[in-house]
């Protein structure tokens, strides 16, 4: 059983990303990746908060659509949730305002872009990375394959 904590800086974000929809989709992504008995959080935060987090952790003076903070380091060291024997993956932050702008820019629905970001975040939390946003990046190819399969 997976444990996924979802929080919202603003109740209006629940319309874009209803808790049950997000949970169901994330569990489908985890099943596709054969990840079981994991724990992580997803927080939907406003653009000012995302800008602050991006500056603090990436030294980028701008907001972004998603930030992922993996609990495991490059050497495979991670955490097990006390008493539950769950693998703790980490935390992801999603900014609905940037998500909506990106969806419009890419010509996709808000829902498709949300699903893409959820996959993207899980991939990062489980150890995948990319150097650029070039669609030929292996992680981004994997992301789009999962998106197509689960759509």
N, C-alpha and C. Protein backbone atom coordinates (compact mmCIF):
# COMPACT_ATOMS: atom_id res chain seq x y z
N UNK A 1 0.84 -1.18 0.00
CA UNK A 1 0.00 0.00 0.00
C UNK A 1 0.88 1.25 0.00
N UNK A 2 0.60 2.15 -0.90
CA UNK A 2 1.34 3.40 -0.99
C UNK A 2 0.70 4.46 -0.10
N UNK A 3 1.52 5.36 0.41
CA UNK A 3 1.02 6.50 1.18
C UNK A 3 1.41 7.77 0.44
N UNK A 4 0.40 8.51 0.01
CA UNK A 4 0.63 9.74 -0.74
C UNK A 4 -0.12 10.85 -0.02
N UNK A 5 0.63 11.84 0.44
CA UNK A 5 0.03 12.99 1.13
C UNK A 5 -0.12 14.12 0.11
N UNK A 6 -1.33 14.66 0.00
CA UNK A 6 -1.58 15.75 -0.94
C UNK A 6 -2.04 16.96 -0.15
N UNK A 7 -1.43 18.11 -0.46
CA UNK A 7 -1.83 19.36 0.20
C UNK A 7 -1.97 20.47 -0.83
N UNK A 8 -2.73 21.49 -0.45
CA UNK A 8 -3.03 22.60 -1.34
C UNK A 8 -2.82 23.91 -0.60
N UNK A 9 -2.02 24.82 -1.18
CA UNK A 9 -1.87 26.17 -0.62
C UNK A 9 -3.18 26.94 -0.73
N UNK A 10 -3.98 26.60 -1.73
CA UNK A 10 -5.20 27.33 -2.01
C UNK A 10 -6.28 26.32 -2.37
N UNK A 11 -7.45 26.42 -1.76
CA UNK A 11 -8.52 25.47 -2.03
C UNK A 11 -8.94 25.46 -3.50
N UNK A 12 -8.74 26.56 -4.22
CA UNK A 12 -9.13 26.61 -5.63
C UNK A 12 -8.32 25.60 -6.46
N UNK A 13 -7.15 25.19 -5.99
CA UNK A 13 -6.34 24.22 -6.73
C UNK A 13 -6.99 22.84 -6.75
N UNK A 14 -7.91 22.61 -5.82
CA UNK A 14 -8.59 21.32 -5.77
C UNK A 14 -9.48 21.10 -7.00
N UNK A 15 -9.90 22.18 -7.66
CA UNK A 15 -10.69 22.05 -8.88
C UNK A 15 -9.83 21.53 -10.01
N UNK A 16 -8.62 22.04 -10.14
CA UNK A 16 -7.68 21.59 -11.16
C UNK A 16 -7.20 20.17 -10.87
N UNK A 17 -6.94 19.90 -9.60
CA UNK A 17 -6.31 18.63 -9.19
C UNK A 17 -7.05 18.03 -7.99
N UNK A 18 -8.25 17.50 -8.22
CA UNK A 18 -8.98 16.89 -7.11
C UNK A 18 -8.19 15.75 -6.46
N UNK A 19 -8.23 15.70 -5.16
CA UNK A 19 -7.45 14.72 -4.39
C UNK A 19 -7.63 13.29 -4.93
N UNK A 20 -8.85 12.84 -5.13
CA UNK A 20 -9.10 11.45 -5.57
C UNK A 20 -8.51 11.23 -6.96
N UNK A 21 -8.65 12.19 -7.86
CA UNK A 21 -8.11 12.08 -9.21
C UNK A 21 -6.59 11.97 -9.17
N UNK A 22 -5.96 12.82 -8.37
CA UNK A 22 -4.50 12.81 -8.24
C UNK A 22 -4.03 11.49 -7.64
N UNK A 23 -4.68 11.04 -6.57
CA UNK A 23 -4.30 9.77 -5.94
C UNK A 23 -4.43 8.60 -6.91
N UNK A 24 -5.55 8.52 -7.60
CA UNK A 24 -5.77 7.42 -8.53
C UNK A 24 -4.72 7.42 -9.63
N UNK A 25 -4.44 8.60 -10.17
CA UNK A 25 -3.46 8.67 -11.26
C UNK A 25 -2.06 8.32 -10.76
N UNK A 26 -1.68 8.86 -9.62
CA UNK A 26 -0.36 8.54 -9.07
C UNK A 26 -0.21 7.06 -8.81
N UNK A 27 -1.25 6.43 -8.29
CA UNK A 27 -1.18 4.98 -8.05
C UNK A 27 -1.04 4.20 -9.36
N UNK A 28 -1.66 4.70 -10.45
CA UNK A 28 -1.49 4.08 -11.76
C UNK A 28 -0.05 4.23 -12.25
N UNK A 29 0.53 5.41 -12.04
CA UNK A 29 1.92 5.65 -12.43
C UNK A 29 2.85 4.74 -11.63
N UNK A 30 2.61 4.65 -10.33
CA UNK A 30 3.45 3.79 -9.48
C UNK A 30 3.34 2.33 -9.93
N UNK A 31 2.14 1.88 -10.26
CA UNK A 31 1.96 0.51 -10.73
C UNK A 31 2.72 0.29 -12.04
N UNK A 32 2.64 1.26 -12.94
CA UNK A 32 3.35 1.16 -14.22
C UNK A 32 4.85 1.05 -14.00
N UNK A 33 5.36 1.77 -13.01
CA UNK A 33 6.80 1.74 -12.70
C UNK A 33 7.17 0.62 -11.74
N UNK A 34 6.18 -0.17 -11.35
CA UNK A 34 6.38 -1.28 -10.41
C UNK A 34 6.96 -0.80 -9.08
N UNK A 35 6.48 0.35 -8.63
CA UNK A 35 6.87 0.89 -7.33
C UNK A 35 5.75 0.61 -6.35
N UNK A 36 6.07 -0.13 -5.29
CA UNK A 36 5.06 -0.46 -4.29
C UNK A 36 5.58 -0.10 -2.91
N UNK A 37 4.65 0.07 -2.01
CA UNK A 37 4.98 0.34 -0.61
C UNK A 37 5.89 1.57 -0.47
N UNK A 38 5.50 2.64 -1.15
CA UNK A 38 6.26 3.88 -1.11
C UNK A 38 5.44 4.98 -0.44
N UNK A 39 6.16 6.02 -0.05
CA UNK A 39 5.53 7.17 0.61
C UNK A 39 6.14 8.44 0.03
N UNK A 40 5.29 9.41 -0.30
CA UNK A 40 5.77 10.72 -0.74
C UNK A 40 4.64 11.74 -0.63
N UNK A 41 5.00 12.99 -0.84
CA UNK A 41 3.98 14.04 -0.77
C UNK A 41 3.95 14.83 -2.07
N UNK A 42 2.78 15.40 -2.33
CA UNK A 42 2.56 16.30 -3.46
C UNK A 42 1.89 17.55 -2.89
N UNK A 43 2.51 18.70 -3.10
CA UNK A 43 1.93 19.96 -2.63
C UNK A 43 1.68 20.86 -3.82
N UNK A 44 0.48 21.39 -3.90
CA UNK A 44 0.12 22.35 -4.93
C UNK A 44 0.29 23.73 -4.31
N UNK A 45 1.27 24.48 -4.82
CA UNK A 45 1.64 25.75 -4.19
C UNK A 45 1.50 26.91 -5.17
N UNK A 46 1.32 28.11 -4.62
CA UNK A 46 1.13 29.28 -5.49
C UNK A 46 2.45 29.72 -6.12
N UNK A 47 2.33 30.60 -7.09
CA UNK A 47 3.49 30.98 -7.89
C UNK A 47 4.55 31.71 -7.08
N UNK A 48 4.15 32.55 -6.14
CA UNK A 48 5.14 33.24 -5.31
C UNK A 48 5.94 32.24 -4.48
N UNK A 49 5.26 31.27 -3.91
CA UNK A 49 5.91 30.23 -3.11
C UNK A 49 6.87 29.41 -4.00
N UNK A 50 6.41 29.06 -5.22
CA UNK A 50 7.26 28.29 -6.12
C UNK A 50 8.49 29.10 -6.52
N UNK A 51 8.30 30.38 -6.78
CA UNK A 51 9.43 31.25 -7.13
C UNK A 51 10.47 31.24 -6.00
N UNK A 52 9.98 31.37 -4.79
CA UNK A 52 10.86 31.37 -3.61
C UNK A 52 11.61 30.04 -3.48
N UNK A 53 10.91 28.93 -3.67
CA UNK A 53 11.54 27.61 -3.56
C UNK A 53 12.56 27.39 -4.68
N UNK A 54 12.24 27.83 -5.88
CA UNK A 54 13.15 27.68 -7.01
C UNK A 54 14.42 28.50 -6.80
N UNK A 55 14.25 29.68 -6.20
CA UNK A 55 15.41 30.52 -5.90
C UNK A 55 16.27 29.89 -4.81
N UNK A 56 15.60 29.42 -3.78
CA UNK A 56 16.32 28.85 -2.64
C UNK A 56 17.07 27.57 -2.99
N UNK A 57 16.44 26.68 -3.75
CA UNK A 57 17.03 25.37 -3.98
C UNK A 57 17.74 25.20 -5.31
N UNK A 58 17.43 26.09 -6.30
CA UNK A 58 18.08 25.95 -7.60
C UNK A 58 18.79 27.23 -8.04
N UNK A 59 18.66 28.25 -7.21
CA UNK A 59 19.27 29.55 -7.51
C UNK A 59 18.77 30.11 -8.85
N UNK A 60 17.49 29.86 -9.12
CA UNK A 60 16.84 30.37 -10.32
C UNK A 60 15.76 31.36 -9.88
N UNK A 61 15.90 32.60 -10.34
CA UNK A 61 15.02 33.69 -9.92
C UNK A 61 13.77 33.73 -10.80
N UNK A 62 12.99 32.66 -10.73
CA UNK A 62 11.77 32.54 -11.52
C UNK A 62 10.96 31.39 -10.94
N UNK A 63 9.69 31.35 -11.29
CA UNK A 63 8.88 30.21 -10.86
C UNK A 63 9.06 29.08 -11.88
N UNK A 64 8.55 27.93 -11.56
CA UNK A 64 8.59 26.77 -12.44
C UNK A 64 7.34 25.96 -12.20
N UNK A 65 7.11 24.96 -13.03
CA UNK A 65 5.89 24.16 -12.89
C UNK A 65 6.00 23.09 -11.81
N UNK A 66 7.19 22.50 -11.66
CA UNK A 66 7.35 21.41 -10.69
C UNK A 66 8.77 21.39 -10.14
N UNK A 67 8.87 21.11 -8.86
CA UNK A 67 10.15 20.83 -8.21
C UNK A 67 9.99 19.50 -7.49
N UNK A 68 11.01 18.67 -7.58
CA UNK A 68 11.00 17.37 -6.89
C UNK A 68 12.20 17.29 -5.97
N UNK A 69 11.96 16.78 -4.79
CA UNK A 69 13.01 16.62 -3.79
C UNK A 69 13.06 15.16 -3.39
N UNK A 70 13.96 14.42 -4.02
CA UNK A 70 14.07 12.99 -3.76
C UNK A 70 14.71 12.74 -2.39
N UNK A 71 14.18 11.76 -1.67
CA UNK A 71 14.72 11.42 -0.36
C UNK A 71 15.97 10.57 -0.47
N UNK A 72 16.16 9.91 -1.61
CA UNK A 72 17.35 9.07 -1.80
C UNK A 72 18.42 9.87 -2.51
N UNK A 73 19.66 9.67 -2.10
CA UNK A 73 20.76 10.34 -2.79
C UNK A 73 21.29 9.47 -3.92
N UNK A 74 22.28 9.96 -4.63
CA UNK A 74 22.83 9.25 -5.78
C UNK A 74 23.46 7.91 -5.42
N UNK A 75 23.80 7.72 -4.16
CA UNK A 75 24.39 6.45 -3.71
C UNK A 75 23.33 5.45 -3.28
N UNK A 76 22.05 5.81 -3.42
CA UNK A 76 20.98 4.90 -3.05
C UNK A 76 20.58 4.97 -1.59
N UNK A 77 21.19 5.89 -0.84
CA UNK A 77 20.80 6.03 0.56
C UNK A 77 19.44 6.69 0.62
N UNK A 78 18.55 6.12 1.38
CA UNK A 78 17.21 6.69 1.52
C UNK A 78 16.68 6.49 2.91
N UNK A 79 15.39 6.67 3.02
CA UNK A 79 14.74 6.60 4.32
C UNK A 79 13.63 5.56 4.28
N UNK A 80 13.38 4.97 5.41
CA UNK A 80 12.24 4.07 5.59
C UNK A 80 11.35 4.72 6.62
N UNK A 81 10.08 4.80 6.31
CA UNK A 81 9.13 5.44 7.22
C UNK A 81 9.05 4.63 8.51
N UNK A 82 9.22 5.29 9.63
CA UNK A 82 9.26 4.64 10.95
C UNK A 82 8.04 3.75 11.18
N UNK A 83 8.30 2.51 11.49
CA UNK A 83 7.25 1.57 11.85
C UNK A 83 6.40 1.09 10.69
N UNK A 84 6.59 1.63 9.51
CA UNK A 84 5.73 1.24 8.39
C UNK A 84 6.48 0.51 7.28
N UNK A 85 7.79 0.51 7.35
CA UNK A 85 8.61 -0.17 6.36
C UNK A 85 8.29 0.25 4.93
N UNK A 86 8.04 1.53 4.77
CA UNK A 86 7.80 2.08 3.44
C UNK A 86 9.04 2.81 2.96
N UNK A 87 9.29 2.73 1.69
CA UNK A 87 10.37 3.49 1.08
C UNK A 87 9.87 4.93 0.89
N UNK A 88 10.54 5.88 1.50
CA UNK A 88 10.16 7.29 1.38
C UNK A 88 10.84 7.85 0.14
N UNK A 89 10.02 8.29 -0.82
CA UNK A 89 10.57 8.81 -2.08
C UNK A 89 10.93 10.29 -1.97
N UNK A 90 10.15 11.07 -1.24
CA UNK A 90 10.44 12.50 -1.11
C UNK A 90 9.20 13.34 -1.28
N UNK A 91 9.40 14.52 -1.88
CA UNK A 91 8.32 15.50 -2.01
C UNK A 91 8.35 16.14 -3.39
N UNK A 92 7.16 16.43 -3.90
CA UNK A 92 7.10 17.22 -5.13
C UNK A 92 6.18 18.41 -4.91
N UNK A 93 6.56 19.51 -5.53
CA UNK A 93 5.79 20.75 -5.48
C UNK A 93 5.32 21.06 -6.90
N UNK A 94 4.05 21.38 -7.05
CA UNK A 94 3.49 21.72 -8.36
C UNK A 94 2.82 23.08 -8.26
N UNK A 95 3.08 23.93 -9.25
CA UNK A 95 2.49 25.26 -9.30
C UNK A 95 1.39 25.29 -10.36
N UNK A 96 0.12 25.34 -9.95
CA UNK A 96 -0.99 25.33 -10.91
C UNK A 96 -0.97 26.50 -11.90
N UNK A 97 -0.53 27.67 -11.47
CA UNK A 97 -0.50 28.81 -12.39
C UNK A 97 0.46 28.56 -13.56
N UNK A 98 1.65 28.04 -13.25
CA UNK A 98 2.62 27.74 -14.31
C UNK A 98 2.14 26.55 -15.13
N UNK A 99 1.56 25.56 -14.48
CA UNK A 99 0.99 24.40 -15.18
C UNK A 99 0.00 24.89 -16.24
N UNK A 100 -0.91 25.78 -15.87
CA UNK A 100 -1.92 26.28 -16.82
C UNK A 100 -1.29 27.05 -17.98
N UNK A 101 -0.31 27.89 -17.68
CA UNK A 101 0.37 28.62 -18.76
C UNK A 101 1.08 27.66 -19.72
N UNK A 102 1.74 26.65 -19.15
CA UNK A 102 2.43 25.67 -19.99
C UNK A 102 1.44 24.88 -20.84
N UNK A 103 0.33 24.49 -20.25
CA UNK A 103 -0.68 23.74 -21.01
C UNK A 103 -1.15 24.56 -22.21
N UNK A 104 -1.41 25.83 -21.97
CA UNK A 104 -1.85 26.71 -23.06
C UNK A 104 -0.75 26.85 -24.11
N UNK A 105 0.47 27.05 -23.67
CA UNK A 105 1.61 27.20 -24.57
C UNK A 105 1.85 25.94 -25.41
N UNK A 106 1.68 24.76 -24.79
CA UNK A 106 1.91 23.49 -25.48
C UNK A 106 0.69 23.02 -26.28
N UNK A 107 -0.45 23.70 -26.08
CA UNK A 107 -1.67 23.32 -26.78
C UNK A 107 -2.28 22.03 -26.27
N UNK A 108 -2.18 21.81 -24.96
CA UNK A 108 -2.77 20.61 -24.34
C UNK A 108 -3.73 21.06 -23.24
N UNK A 109 -4.55 20.15 -22.77
CA UNK A 109 -5.47 20.48 -21.68
C UNK A 109 -4.71 20.59 -20.36
N UNK A 110 -5.32 21.31 -19.43
CA UNK A 110 -4.74 21.40 -18.08
C UNK A 110 -4.59 20.00 -17.48
N UNK A 111 -5.58 19.14 -17.73
CA UNK A 111 -5.54 17.79 -17.17
C UNK A 111 -4.38 16.99 -17.73
N UNK A 112 -4.12 17.11 -19.04
CA UNK A 112 -2.98 16.39 -19.61
C UNK A 112 -1.67 16.89 -19.02
N UNK A 113 -1.56 18.19 -18.87
CA UNK A 113 -0.31 18.74 -18.32
C UNK A 113 -0.14 18.33 -16.86
N UNK A 114 -1.24 18.28 -16.11
CA UNK A 114 -1.17 17.80 -14.72
C UNK A 114 -0.66 16.37 -14.69
N UNK A 115 -1.21 15.51 -15.53
CA UNK A 115 -0.77 14.11 -15.57
C UNK A 115 0.71 14.01 -15.93
N UNK A 116 1.13 14.84 -16.89
CA UNK A 116 2.54 14.85 -17.30
C UNK A 116 3.43 15.23 -16.11
N UNK A 117 3.03 16.25 -15.36
CA UNK A 117 3.84 16.69 -14.22
C UNK A 117 3.87 15.64 -13.12
N UNK A 118 2.75 14.97 -12.89
CA UNK A 118 2.73 13.92 -11.87
C UNK A 118 3.69 12.79 -12.24
N UNK A 119 3.68 12.39 -13.49
CA UNK A 119 4.63 11.37 -13.96
C UNK A 119 6.05 11.88 -13.79
N UNK A 120 6.29 13.10 -14.23
CA UNK A 120 7.61 13.71 -14.16
C UNK A 120 8.14 13.70 -12.73
N UNK A 121 7.29 14.10 -11.80
CA UNK A 121 7.69 14.14 -10.40
C UNK A 121 8.02 12.76 -9.85
N UNK A 122 7.19 11.78 -10.15
CA UNK A 122 7.44 10.41 -9.67
C UNK A 122 8.75 9.88 -10.27
N UNK A 123 8.98 10.15 -11.53
CA UNK A 123 10.24 9.70 -12.14
C UNK A 123 11.44 10.30 -11.41
N UNK A 124 11.39 11.59 -11.13
CA UNK A 124 12.49 12.22 -10.39
C UNK A 124 12.63 11.60 -9.00
N UNK A 125 11.51 11.43 -8.30
CA UNK A 125 11.57 10.89 -6.93
C UNK A 125 12.11 9.47 -6.91
N UNK A 126 11.91 8.74 -8.00
CA UNK A 126 12.37 7.35 -8.04
C UNK A 126 13.76 7.20 -8.64
N UNK A 127 14.41 8.34 -8.94
CA UNK A 127 15.81 8.28 -9.34
C UNK A 127 16.13 8.68 -10.77
N UNK A 128 15.14 8.90 -11.60
CA UNK A 128 15.40 9.34 -12.97
C UNK A 128 15.74 10.82 -13.00
N UNK A 129 16.57 11.23 -13.96
CA UNK A 129 16.93 12.63 -14.12
C UNK A 129 17.14 12.95 -15.59
N UNK A 130 17.16 14.25 -15.89
CA UNK A 130 17.44 14.73 -17.24
C UNK A 130 18.30 15.98 -17.13
N UNK A 131 19.11 16.21 -18.15
CA UNK A 131 20.00 17.36 -18.16
C UNK A 131 19.36 18.59 -18.78
N UNK A 132 18.49 18.35 -19.77
CA UNK A 132 17.83 19.45 -20.49
C UNK A 132 16.34 19.12 -20.59
N UNK A 133 15.60 19.98 -21.23
CA UNK A 133 14.19 19.70 -21.50
C UNK A 133 13.98 19.23 -22.94
N UNK A 134 15.05 18.79 -23.57
CA UNK A 134 14.98 18.28 -24.94
C UNK A 134 14.15 17.00 -24.93
N UNK A 135 13.15 16.90 -25.82
CA UNK A 135 12.30 15.70 -25.85
C UNK A 135 13.05 14.39 -26.11
N UNK A 136 14.30 14.47 -26.56
CA UNK A 136 15.06 13.24 -26.80
C UNK A 136 15.73 12.72 -25.53
N UNK A 137 15.61 13.45 -24.43
CA UNK A 137 16.16 12.97 -23.15
C UNK A 137 15.47 11.66 -22.77
N UNK A 138 16.22 10.62 -22.38
CA UNK A 138 15.61 9.33 -22.02
C UNK A 138 14.49 9.44 -20.99
N UNK A 139 14.67 10.27 -19.94
CA UNK A 139 13.63 10.38 -18.93
C UNK A 139 12.35 10.97 -19.53
N UNK A 140 12.49 11.95 -20.41
CA UNK A 140 11.32 12.59 -21.00
C UNK A 140 10.63 11.67 -22.00
N UNK A 141 11.39 10.84 -22.67
CA UNK A 141 10.80 9.83 -23.55
C UNK A 141 9.99 8.85 -22.70
N UNK A 142 10.57 8.40 -21.60
CA UNK A 142 9.89 7.48 -20.68
C UNK A 142 8.60 8.12 -20.16
N UNK A 143 8.68 9.39 -19.78
CA UNK A 143 7.53 10.13 -19.28
C UNK A 143 6.39 10.12 -20.31
N UNK A 144 6.71 10.44 -21.55
CA UNK A 144 5.68 10.52 -22.59
C UNK A 144 5.10 9.14 -22.92
N UNK A 145 5.91 8.09 -22.83
CA UNK A 145 5.41 6.73 -23.05
C UNK A 145 4.41 6.35 -21.97
N UNK A 146 4.73 6.69 -20.72
CA UNK A 146 3.81 6.40 -19.62
C UNK A 146 2.53 7.21 -19.78
N UNK A 147 2.67 8.48 -20.14
CA UNK A 147 1.50 9.34 -20.35
C UNK A 147 0.58 8.74 -21.43
N UNK A 148 1.17 8.32 -22.54
CA UNK A 148 0.38 7.73 -23.63
C UNK A 148 -0.29 6.43 -23.17
N UNK A 149 0.43 5.61 -22.45
CA UNK A 149 -0.12 4.32 -22.02
C UNK A 149 -1.27 4.48 -21.02
N UNK A 150 -1.16 5.48 -20.14
CA UNK A 150 -2.18 5.67 -19.10
C UNK A 150 -3.32 6.59 -19.53
N UNK A 151 -3.24 7.11 -20.76
CA UNK A 151 -4.30 8.02 -21.23
C UNK A 151 -5.46 7.27 -21.82
